[in-house]
């Protein structure tokens, strides 16, 4: 009689088994997202590298604003005989300044942690294509090819539409690929933590969240380089991380 009193009721046992099956299914979904995940520490860019790139972006931004402001004032004061030459030299200076920045950005893309190598290579190719095209425009300016303001505007537009826009899309693909790697690593870390210290209350919301973030970021890292999907995926990933951090506190 004593042994029978200690046995769990059949209904209670069924609930426990059902809960275990539910959690196992959720962890399996996490494992699918986490497949091939790098270690979280392998995705951490050294602070020195972050600081150097932040300083470069700031330097380029400040010099670009200064150059364009000065050129705007010079062109505003120019007469009909000098306006084309001044505009051409301003465009030349602007392209040279940007070219220096893009070369440094190419180095950053070559070492982008967590980015798929093919995606990073695509960004490097985009930078090289823009650099080559900008050099052609600069050579044309030096040779006096652009004889009217309209010709300069058309050259600038072609450079932007044909080379800069695809380059920017390639940058978005790199960011999405890096974020996708982080998503997989976060999923792997949560799954590993559940093995050692089960905390299932947040799991349904977290798994749905991380699956959504992974899908959006994977799509954004595709050939389209969709910036809208990148932003949505990054927003979703931040929600997932917040869910995980909140679960660890409770």
C-alpha atoms as a PDB file:
ATOM      1  CA  UNK A   1       0.000   0.000   0.000  1.00  0.00           C
ATOM      2  CA  UNK A   2       2.884   2.338   0.845  1.00  0.00           C
ATOM      3  CA  UNK A   3       4.507   1.764  -2.555  1.00  0.00           C
ATOM      4  CA  UNK A   4       1.245   2.470  -4.321  1.00  0.00           C
ATOM      5  CA  UNK A   5       0.844   5.742  -2.404  1.00  0.00           C
ATOM      6  CA  UNK A   6       4.253   6.922  -3.656  1.00  0.00           C
ATOM      7  CA  UNK A   7       3.478   6.312  -7.334  1.00  0.00           C
ATOM      8  CA  UNK A   8       2.566   9.348  -9.479  1.00  0.00           C
ATOM      9  CA  UNK A   9      -1.008   9.322 -10.778  1.00  0.00           C
ATOM     10  CA  UNK A  10      -1.312   8.248 -14.403  1.00  0.00           C
ATOM     11  CA  UNK A  11      -2.666  11.637 -15.425  1.00  0.00           C
ATOM     12  CA  UNK A  12       0.312  13.401 -13.799  1.00  0.00           C
ATOM     13  CA  UNK A  13       2.762  11.108 -15.554  1.00  0.00           C
ATOM     14  CA  UNK A  14       1.066  11.809 -18.870  1.00  0.00           C
ATOM     15  CA  UNK A  15       1.406  15.558 -18.341  1.00  0.00           C
ATOM     16  CA  UNK A  16       5.110  15.186 -17.532  1.00  0.00           C
ATOM     17  CA  UNK A  17       5.735  13.078 -20.618  1.00  0.00           C
ATOM     18  CA  UNK A  18       3.825  15.508 -22.811  1.00  0.00           C
ATOM     19  CA  UNK A  19       5.838  18.408 -21.432  1.00  0.00           C
ATOM     20  CA  UNK A  20       9.101  16.539 -22.041  1.00  0.00           C
ATOM     21  CA  UNK A  21       8.053  15.810 -25.623  1.00  0.00           C
ATOM     22  CA  UNK A  22       7.085  19.440 -26.183  1.00  0.00           C
ATOM     23  CA  UNK A  23      10.416  20.700 -24.877  1.00  0.00           C
ATOM     24  CA  UNK A  24      12.314  18.096 -26.914  1.00  0.00           C
ATOM     25  CA  UNK A  25      10.527  19.261 -30.061  1.00  0.00           C
ATOM     26  CA  UNK A  26      11.384  22.884 -29.310  1.00  0.00           C
ATOM     27  CA  UNK A  27      15.036  22.035 -28.686  1.00  0.00           C
ATOM     28  CA  UNK A  28      15.099  20.139 -31.983  1.00  0.00           C
ATOM     29  CA  UNK A  29      13.856  23.298 -33.737  1.00  0.00           C
ATOM     30  CA  UNK A  30      16.620  25.251 -31.997  1.00  0.00           C
ATOM     31  CA  UNK A  31      19.183  22.723 -33.188  1.00  0.00           C
ATOM     32  CA  UNK A  32      18.002  23.220 -36.773  1.00  0.00           C
ATOM     33  CA  UNK A  33      18.576  26.987 -36.514  1.00  0.00           C
ATOM     34  CA  UNK A  34      21.905  26.456 -34.742  1.00  0.00           C
ATOM     35  CA  UNK A  35      23.304  24.047 -37.336  1.00  0.00           C
ATOM     36  CA  UNK A  36      26.917  24.970 -38.140  1.00  0.00           C
ATOM     37  CA  UNK A  37      26.943  27.803 -35.598  1.00  0.00           C
ATOM     38  CA  UNK A  38      30.327  29.361 -34.778  1.00  0.00           C
ATOM     39  CA  UNK A  39      31.277  29.908 -31.135  1.00  0.00           C
ATOM     40  CA  UNK A  40      29.997  33.235 -29.826  1.00  0.00           C
ATOM     41  CA  UNK A  41      33.541  34.346 -28.970  1.00  0.00           C
ATOM     42  CA  UNK A  42      34.572  33.836 -32.599  1.00  0.00           C
ATOM     43  CA  UNK A  43      32.100  36.537 -33.636  1.00  0.00           C
ATOM     44  CA  UNK A  44      33.491  39.195 -31.324  1.00  0.00           C
ATOM     45  CA  UNK A  45      35.489  41.858 -33.181  1.00  0.00           C
ATOM     46  CA  UNK A  46      38.437  43.155 -31.096  1.00  0.00           C
ATOM     47  CA  UNK A  47      37.695  46.523 -29.521  1.00  0.00           C
ATOM     48  CA  UNK A  48      40.806  48.015 -31.132  1.00  0.00           C
ATOM     49  CA  UNK A  49      39.462  47.090 -34.578  1.00  0.00           C
ATOM     50  CA  UNK A  50      36.024  48.529 -33.765  1.00  0.00           C
ATOM     51  CA  UNK A  51      37.551  51.775 -32.533  1.00  0.00           C
ATOM     52  CA  UNK A  52      39.769  52.109 -35.610  1.00  0.00           C
ATOM     53  CA  UNK A  53      36.830  51.670 -37.996  1.00  0.00           C
ATOM     54  CA  UNK A  54      34.619  54.059 -35.994  1.00  0.00           C
ATOM     55  CA  UNK A  55      37.390  56.665 -36.179  1.00  0.00           C
ATOM     56  CA  UNK A  56      37.761  56.113 -39.932  1.00  0.00           C
ATOM     57  CA  UNK A  57      34.021  56.520 -40.557  1.00  0.00           C
ATOM     58  CA  UNK A  58      34.011  59.716 -38.498  1.00  0.00           C
ATOM     59  CA  UNK A  59      37.105  61.064 -40.297  1.00  0.00           C
ATOM     60  CA  UNK A  60      35.643  60.341 -43.713  1.00  0.00           C
ATOM     61  CA  UNK A  61      32.287  61.841 -42.800  1.00  0.00           C
ATOM     62  CA  UNK A  62      33.813  65.054 -41.467  1.00  0.00           C
ATOM     63  CA  UNK A  63      36.156  65.509 -44.438  1.00  0.00           C
ATOM     64  CA  UNK A  64      33.339  64.781 -46.882  1.00  0.00           C
ATOM     65  CA  UNK A  65      31.066  67.392 -45.289  1.00  0.00           C
ATOM     66  CA  UNK A  66      33.903  69.924 -45.262  1.00  0.00           C
ATOM     67  CA  UNK A  67      34.781  69.282 -48.914  1.00  0.00           C
ATOM     68  CA  UNK A  68      31.208  69.471 -50.153  1.00  0.00           C
ATOM     69  CA  UNK A  69      30.527  72.627 -48.170  1.00  0.00           C
ATOM     70  CA  UNK A  70      33.588  74.314 -49.622  1.00  0.00           C
ATOM     71  CA  UNK A  71      32.748  73.181 -53.151  1.00  0.00           C
ATOM     72  CA  UNK A  72      29.168  74.354 -52.802  1.00  0.00           C
ATOM     73  CA  UNK A  73      30.378  77.812 -51.849  1.00  0.00           C
ATOM     74  CA  UNK A  74      32.974  77.943 -54.673  1.00  0.00           C
ATOM     75  CA  UNK A  75      30.472  76.799 -57.298  1.00  0.00           C
ATOM     76  CA  UNK A  76      27.897  79.274 -56.024  1.00  0.00           C
ATOM     77  CA  UNK A  77      30.379  82.089 -56.667  1.00  0.00           C
ATOM     78  CA  UNK A  78      31.641  80.733 -60.004  1.00  0.00           C
ATOM     79  CA  UNK A  79      30.850  82.374 -63.294  1.00  0.00           C
ATOM     80  CA  UNK A  80      29.844  80.762 -66.576  1.00  0.00           C
ATOM     81  CA  UNK A  81      33.473  80.356 -67.678  1.00  0.00           C
ATOM     82  CA  UNK A  82      34.711  78.595 -64.538  1.00  0.00           C
ATOM     83  CA  UNK A  83      31.739  76.629 -63.231  1.00  0.00           C
ATOM     84  CA  UNK A  84      32.374  73.449 -65.249  1.00  0.00           C
ATOM     85  CA  UNK A  85      36.050  73.281 -64.314  1.00  0.00           C
ATOM     86  CA  UNK A  86      35.288  73.938 -60.641  1.00  0.00           C
ATOM     87  CA  UNK A  87      32.506  71.343 -60.588  1.00  0.00           C
ATOM     88  CA  UNK A  88      34.773  68.786 -62.242  1.00  0.00           C
ATOM     89  CA  UNK A  89      37.541  69.347 -59.703  1.00  0.00           C
ATOM     90  CA  UNK A  90      35.087  69.114 -56.831  1.00  0.00           C
ATOM     91  CA  UNK A  91      33.791  65.798 -58.156  1.00  0.00           C
ATOM     92  CA  UNK A  92      37.367  64.608 -58.599  1.00  0.00           C
ATOM     93  CA  UNK A  93      38.266  65.497 -54.996  1.00  0.00           C
ATOM     94  CA  UNK A  94      35.083  63.872 -53.712  1.00  0.00           C
ATOM     95  CA  UNK A  95      35.810  60.632 -55.570  1.00  0.00           C
ATOM     96  CA  UNK A  96      39.430  60.518 -54.401  1.00  0.00           C
ATOM     97  CA  UNK A  97      38.328  61.019 -50.802  1.00  0.00           C
ATOM     98  CA  UNK A  98      35.721  58.273 -51.071  1.00  0.00           C
ATOM     99  CA  UNK A  99      38.188  55.949 -52.814  1.00  0.00           C
ATOM    100  CA  UNK A 100      40.547  56.125 -49.835  1.00  0.00           C
ATOM    101  CA  UNK A 101      37.669  55.263 -47.519  1.00  0.00           C
ATOM    102  CA  UNK A 102      36.480  52.369 -49.710  1.00  0.00           C
ATOM    103  CA  UNK A 103      39.965  50.814 -49.771  1.00  0.00           C
ATOM    104  CA  UNK A 104      39.949  50.720 -45.982  1.00  0.00           C
ATOM    105  CA  UNK A 105      36.426  49.313 -46.076  1.00  0.00           C
ATOM    106  CA  UNK A 106      37.619  46.584 -48.428  1.00  0.00           C
ATOM    107  CA  UNK A 107      40.161  45.518 -45.778  1.00  0.00           C
ATOM    108  CA  UNK A 108      37.332  45.409 -43.227  1.00  0.00           C
ATOM    109  CA  UNK A 109      35.198  43.242 -45.517  1.00  0.00           C
ATOM    110  CA  UNK A 110      38.097  40.834 -46.030  1.00  0.00           C
ATOM    111  CA  UNK A 111      38.156  40.188 -42.272  1.00  0.00           C
ATOM    112  CA  UNK A 112      34.409  40.423 -41.498  1.00  0.00           C
ATOM    113  CA  UNK A 113      33.849  37.959 -38.640  1.00  0.00           C
ATOM    114  CA  UNK A 114      30.894  35.617 -39.076  1.00  0.00           C
ATOM    115  CA  UNK A 115      30.198  36.583 -42.680  1.00  0.00           C
ATOM    116  CA  UNK A 116      29.905  33.842 -45.263  1.00  0.00           C
ATOM    117  CA  UNK A 117      33.163  33.967 -47.305  1.00  0.00           C
ATOM    118  CA  UNK A 118      31.234  34.184 -50.568  1.00  0.00           C
ATOM    119  CA  UNK A 119      29.137  37.082 -49.285  1.00  0.00           C
ATOM    120  CA  UNK A 120      32.233  38.941 -48.036  1.00  0.00           C
ATOM    121  CA  UNK A 121      33.964  38.320 -51.368  1.00  0.00           C
ATOM    122  CA  UNK A 122      30.944  39.810 -53.137  1.00  0.00           C
ATOM    123  CA  UNK A 123      31.344  43.017 -51.114  1.00  0.00           C
ATOM    124  CA  UNK A 124      35.038  43.193 -51.998  1.00  0.00           C
ATOM    125  CA  UNK A 125      34.163  42.714 -55.665  1.00  0.00           C
ATOM    126  CA  UNK A 126      31.612  45.525 -55.400  1.00  0.00           C
ATOM    127  CA  UNK A 127      34.193  47.864 -53.892  1.00  0.00           C
ATOM    128  CA  UNK A 128      36.736  47.008 -56.574  1.00  0.00           C
ATOM    129  CA  UNK A 129      34.168  47.634 -59.309  1.00  0.00           C
ATOM    130  CA  UNK A 130      33.318  51.041 -57.825  1.00  0.00           C
ATOM    131  CA  UNK A 131      37.018  51.926 -57.462  1.00  0.00           C
ATOM    132  CA  UNK A 132      37.681  51.015 -61.088  1.00  0.00           C
ATOM    133  CA  UNK A 133      34.700  53.017 -62.330  1.00  0.00           C
ATOM    134  CA  UNK A 134      35.582  56.033 -60.174  1.00  0.00           C
ATOM    135  CA  UNK A 135      39.145  55.956 -61.540  1.00  0.00           C
ATOM    136  CA  UNK A 136      37.707  56.057 -65.061  1.00  0.00           C
ATOM    137  CA  UNK A 137      35.679  59.156 -64.162  1.00  0.00           C
ATOM    138  CA  UNK A 138      38.733  60.815 -62.575  1.00  0.00           C
ATOM    139  CA  UNK A 139      40.809  60.061 -65.664  1.00  0.00           C
ATOM    140  CA  UNK A 140      38.045  61.550 -67.790  1.00  0.00           C
ATOM    141  CA  UNK A 141      38.076  64.727 -65.701  1.00  0.00           C
ATOM    142  CA  UNK A 142      41.859  64.987 -66.051  1.00  0.00           C
ATOM    143  CA  UNK A 143      41.537  64.521 -69.817  1.00  0.00           C
ATOM    144  CA  UNK A 144      38.861  67.203 -70.097  1.00  0.00           C
ATOM    145  CA  UNK A 145      36.225  64.770 -71.338  1.00  0.00           C
ATOM    146  CA  UNK A 146      33.375  66.347 -69.358  1.00  0.00           C
ATOM    147  CA  UNK A 147      32.711  69.692 -70.985  1.00  0.00           C
ATOM    148  CA  UNK A 148      29.299  70.534 -69.494  1.00  0.00           C
ATOM    149  CA  UNK A 149      27.564  70.345 -66.121  1.00  0.00           C
ATOM    150  CA  UNK A 150      25.076  67.872 -67.573  1.00  0.00           C
ATOM    151  CA  UNK A 151      27.916  65.538 -68.600  1.00  0.00           C
ATOM    152  CA  UNK A 152      29.322  65.661 -65.084  1.00  0.00           C
ATOM    153  CA  UNK A 153      25.900  64.999 -63.565  1.00  0.00           C
ATOM    154  CA  UNK A 154      25.372  62.031 -65.872  1.00  0.00           C
ATOM    155  CA  UNK A 155      28.782  60.567 -65.017  1.00  0.00           C
ATOM    156  CA  UNK A 156      28.032  60.962 -61.311  1.00  0.00           C
ATOM    157  CA  UNK A 157      24.594  59.377 -61.694  1.00  0.00           C
ATOM    158  CA  UNK A 158      25.943  56.428 -63.656  1.00  0.00           C
ATOM    159  CA  UNK A 159      28.647  55.850 -61.060  1.00  0.00           C
ATOM    160  CA  UNK A 160      26.058  55.864 -58.291  1.00  0.00           C
ATOM    161  CA  UNK A 161      23.346  53.776 -59.955  1.00  0.00           C
ATOM    162  CA  UNK A 162      25.599  51.217 -61.631  1.00  0.00           C
ATOM    163  CA  UNK A 163      28.323  50.785 -59.019  1.00  0.00           C
ATOM    164  CA  UNK A 164      27.609  52.445 -55.667  1.00  0.00           C
ATOM    165  CA  UNK A 165      24.080  51.087 -55.167  1.00  0.00           C
ATOM    166  CA  UNK A 166      25.128  47.444 -55.812  1.00  0.00           C
ATOM    167  CA  UNK A 167      28.118  48.019 -53.522  1.00  0.00           C
ATOM    168  CA  UNK A 168      25.826  49.206 -50.725  1.00  0.00           C
ATOM    169  CA  UNK A 169      23.596  46.164 -51.249  1.00  0.00           C
ATOM    170  CA  UNK A 170      26.656  43.941 -50.925  1.00  0.00           C
ATOM    171  CA  UNK A 171      27.477  45.664 -47.620  1.00  0.00           C
ATOM    172  CA  UNK A 172      23.942  44.903 -46.410  1.00  0.00           C
ATOM    173  CA  UNK A 173      24.428  41.253 -47.352  1.00  0.00           C
ATOM    174  CA  UNK A 174      27.593  41.105 -45.248  1.00  0.00           C
ATOM    175  CA  UNK A 175      25.832  42.603 -42.220  1.00  0.00           C
ATOM    176  CA  UNK A 176      22.943  40.172 -42.674  1.00  0.00           C
ATOM    177  CA  UNK A 177      25.327  37.214 -42.994  1.00  0.00           C
ATOM    178  CA  UNK A 178      27.136  38.245 -39.808  1.00  0.00           C
ATOM    179  CA  UNK A 179      23.830  38.655 -37.977  1.00  0.00           C
ATOM    180  CA  UNK A 180      22.659  35.269 -39.269  1.00  0.00           C
ATOM    181  CA  UNK A 181      25.773  33.683 -37.771  1.00  0.00           C
ATOM    182  CA  UNK A 182      25.051  35.418 -34.479  1.00  0.00           C
ATOM    183  CA  UNK A 183      21.466  34.123 -34.599  1.00  0.00           C
ATOM    184  CA  UNK A 184      22.704  30.553 -35.000  1.00  0.00           C
ATOM    185  CA  UNK A 185      25.222  31.007 -32.190  1.00  0.00           C
ATOM    186  CA  UNK A 186      22.575  32.401 -29.828  1.00  0.00           C
ATOM    187  CA  UNK A 187      20.289  29.459 -30.659  1.00  0.00           C
ATOM    188  CA  UNK A 188      23.129  27.015 -29.955  1.00  0.00           C
ATOM    189  CA  UNK A 189      23.966  28.692 -26.647  1.00  0.00           C
ATOM    190  CA  UNK A 190      20.342  28.596 -25.462  1.00  0.00           C
ATOM    191  CA  UNK A 191      19.969  24.943 -26.492  1.00  0.00           C
ATOM    192  CA  UNK A 192      23.147  24.030 -24.606  1.00  0.00           C
ATOM    193  CA  UNK A 193      21.962  25.891 -21.520  1.00  0.00           C
ATOM    194  CA  UNK A 194      18.686  23.989 -21.498  1.00  0.00           C
ATOM    195  CA  UNK A 195      20.554  20.689 -21.230  1.00  0.00           C
ATOM    196  CA  UNK A 196      22.385  21.728 -18.097  1.00  0.00           C
ATOM    197  CA  UNK A 197      19.795  23.952 -16.458  1.00  0.00           C
ATOM    198  CA  UNK A 198      16.329  23.518 -17.936  1.00  0.00           C
ATOM    199  CA  UNK A 199      14.284  26.696 -18.012  1.00  0.00           C
ATOM    200  CA  UNK A 200      11.340  26.092 -20.261  1.00  0.00           C
ATOM    201  CA  UNK A 201       8.938  28.906 -19.472  1.00  0.00           C
ATOM    202  CA  UNK A 202      10.313  31.235 -22.162  1.00  0.00           C
ATOM    203  CA  UNK A 203      11.103  28.547 -24.735  1.00  0.00           C
ATOM    204  CA  UNK A 204       8.011  28.769 -26.974  1.00  0.00           C
ATOM    205  CA  UNK A 205       8.404  32.509 -27.503  1.00  0.00           C
ATOM    206  CA  UNK A 206      12.168  32.282 -27.922  1.00  0.00           C
ATOM    207  CA  UNK A 207      12.120  29.495 -30.500  1.00  0.00           C
ATOM    208  CA  UNK A 208       9.508  31.269 -32.615  1.00  0.00           C
ATOM    209  CA  UNK A 209      11.494  34.493 -32.315  1.00  0.00           C
ATOM    210  CA  UNK A 210      14.848  32.989 -33.293  1.00  0.00           C
ATOM    211  CA  UNK A 211      13.338  31.094 -36.234  1.00  0.00           C
ATOM    212  CA  UNK A 212      11.815  34.316 -37.544  1.00  0.00           C
ATOM    213  CA  UNK A 213      15.071  36.266 -37.117  1.00  0.00           C
ATOM    214  CA  UNK A 214      17.069  33.524 -38.824  1.00  0.00           C
ATOM    215  CA  UNK A 215      14.683  33.389 -41.791  1.00  0.00           C
ATOM    216  CA  UNK A 216      14.715  37.160 -42.270  1.00  0.00           C
ATOM    217  CA  UNK A 217      18.489  37.475 -41.986  1.00  0.00           C
ATOM    218  CA  UNK A 218      19.115  34.525 -44.277  1.00  0.00           C
ATOM    219  CA  UNK A 219      16.874  36.139 -46.886  1.00  0.00           C
ATOM    220  CA  UNK A 220      18.643  39.488 -46.437  1.00  0.00           C
ATOM    221  CA  UNK A 221      22.030  37.857 -47.029  1.00  0.00           C
ATOM    222  CA  UNK A 222      20.824  36.532 -50.386  1.00  0.00           C
ATOM    223  CA  UNK A 223      21.701  38.127 -53.714  1.00  0.00           C
ATOM    224  CA  UNK A 224      19.087  40.886 -53.279  1.00  0.00           C
ATOM    225  CA  UNK A 225      20.658  42.401 -50.168  1.00  0.00           C
ATOM    226  CA  UNK A 226      17.246  43.614 -48.982  1.00  0.00           C
ATOM    227  CA  UNK A 227      17.870  46.364 -46.415  1.00  0.00           C
ATOM    228  CA  UNK A 228      14.266  46.163 -45.164  1.00  0.00           C
ATOM    229  CA  UNK A 229      14.641  42.471 -44.318  1.00  0.00           C
ATOM    230  CA  UNK A 230      18.013  43.202 -42.714  1.00  0.00           C
ATOM    231  CA  UNK A 231      16.484  45.803 -40.399  1.00  0.00           C
ATOM    232  CA  UNK A 232      13.520  43.571 -39.560  1.00  0.00           C
ATOM    233  CA  UNK A 233      15.817  40.628 -38.858  1.00  0.00           C
ATOM    234  CA  UNK A 234      18.114  42.695 -36.642  1.00  0.00           C
ATOM    235  CA  UNK A 235      15.130  44.035 -34.688  1.00  0.00           C
ATOM    236  CA  UNK A 236      13.838  40.494 -34.226  1.00  0.00           C
ATOM    237  CA  UNK A 237      17.257  39.221 -33.145  1.00  0.00           C
ATOM    238  CA  UNK A 238      17.457  41.908 -30.466  1.00  0.00           C
ATOM    239  CA  UNK A 239      14.052  40.744 -29.187  1.00  0.00           C
ATOM    240  CA  UNK A 240      15.303  37.151 -29.050  1.00  0.00           C
ATOM    241  CA  UNK A 241      18.405  38.123 -27.104  1.00  0.00           C
ATOM    242  CA  UNK A 242      16.249  40.149 -24.688  1.00  0.00           C
ATOM    243  CA  UNK A 243      14.018  37.088 -24.133  1.00  0.00           C
ATOM    244  CA  UNK A 244      17.068  34.950 -23.397  1.00  0.00           C
ATOM    245  CA  UNK A 245      18.570  37.507 -21.004  1.00  0.00           C
ATOM    246  CA  UNK A 246      15.259  37.901 -19.193  1.00  0.00           C
ATOM    247  CA  UNK A 247      14.987  34.134 -18.764  1.00  0.00           C
ATOM    248  CA  UNK A 248      18.469  34.020 -17.233  1.00  0.00           C
ATOM    249  CA  UNK A 249      17.482  36.646 -14.649  1.00  0.00           C
ATOM    250  CA  UNK A 250      14.359  34.733 -13.531  1.00  0.00           C
END
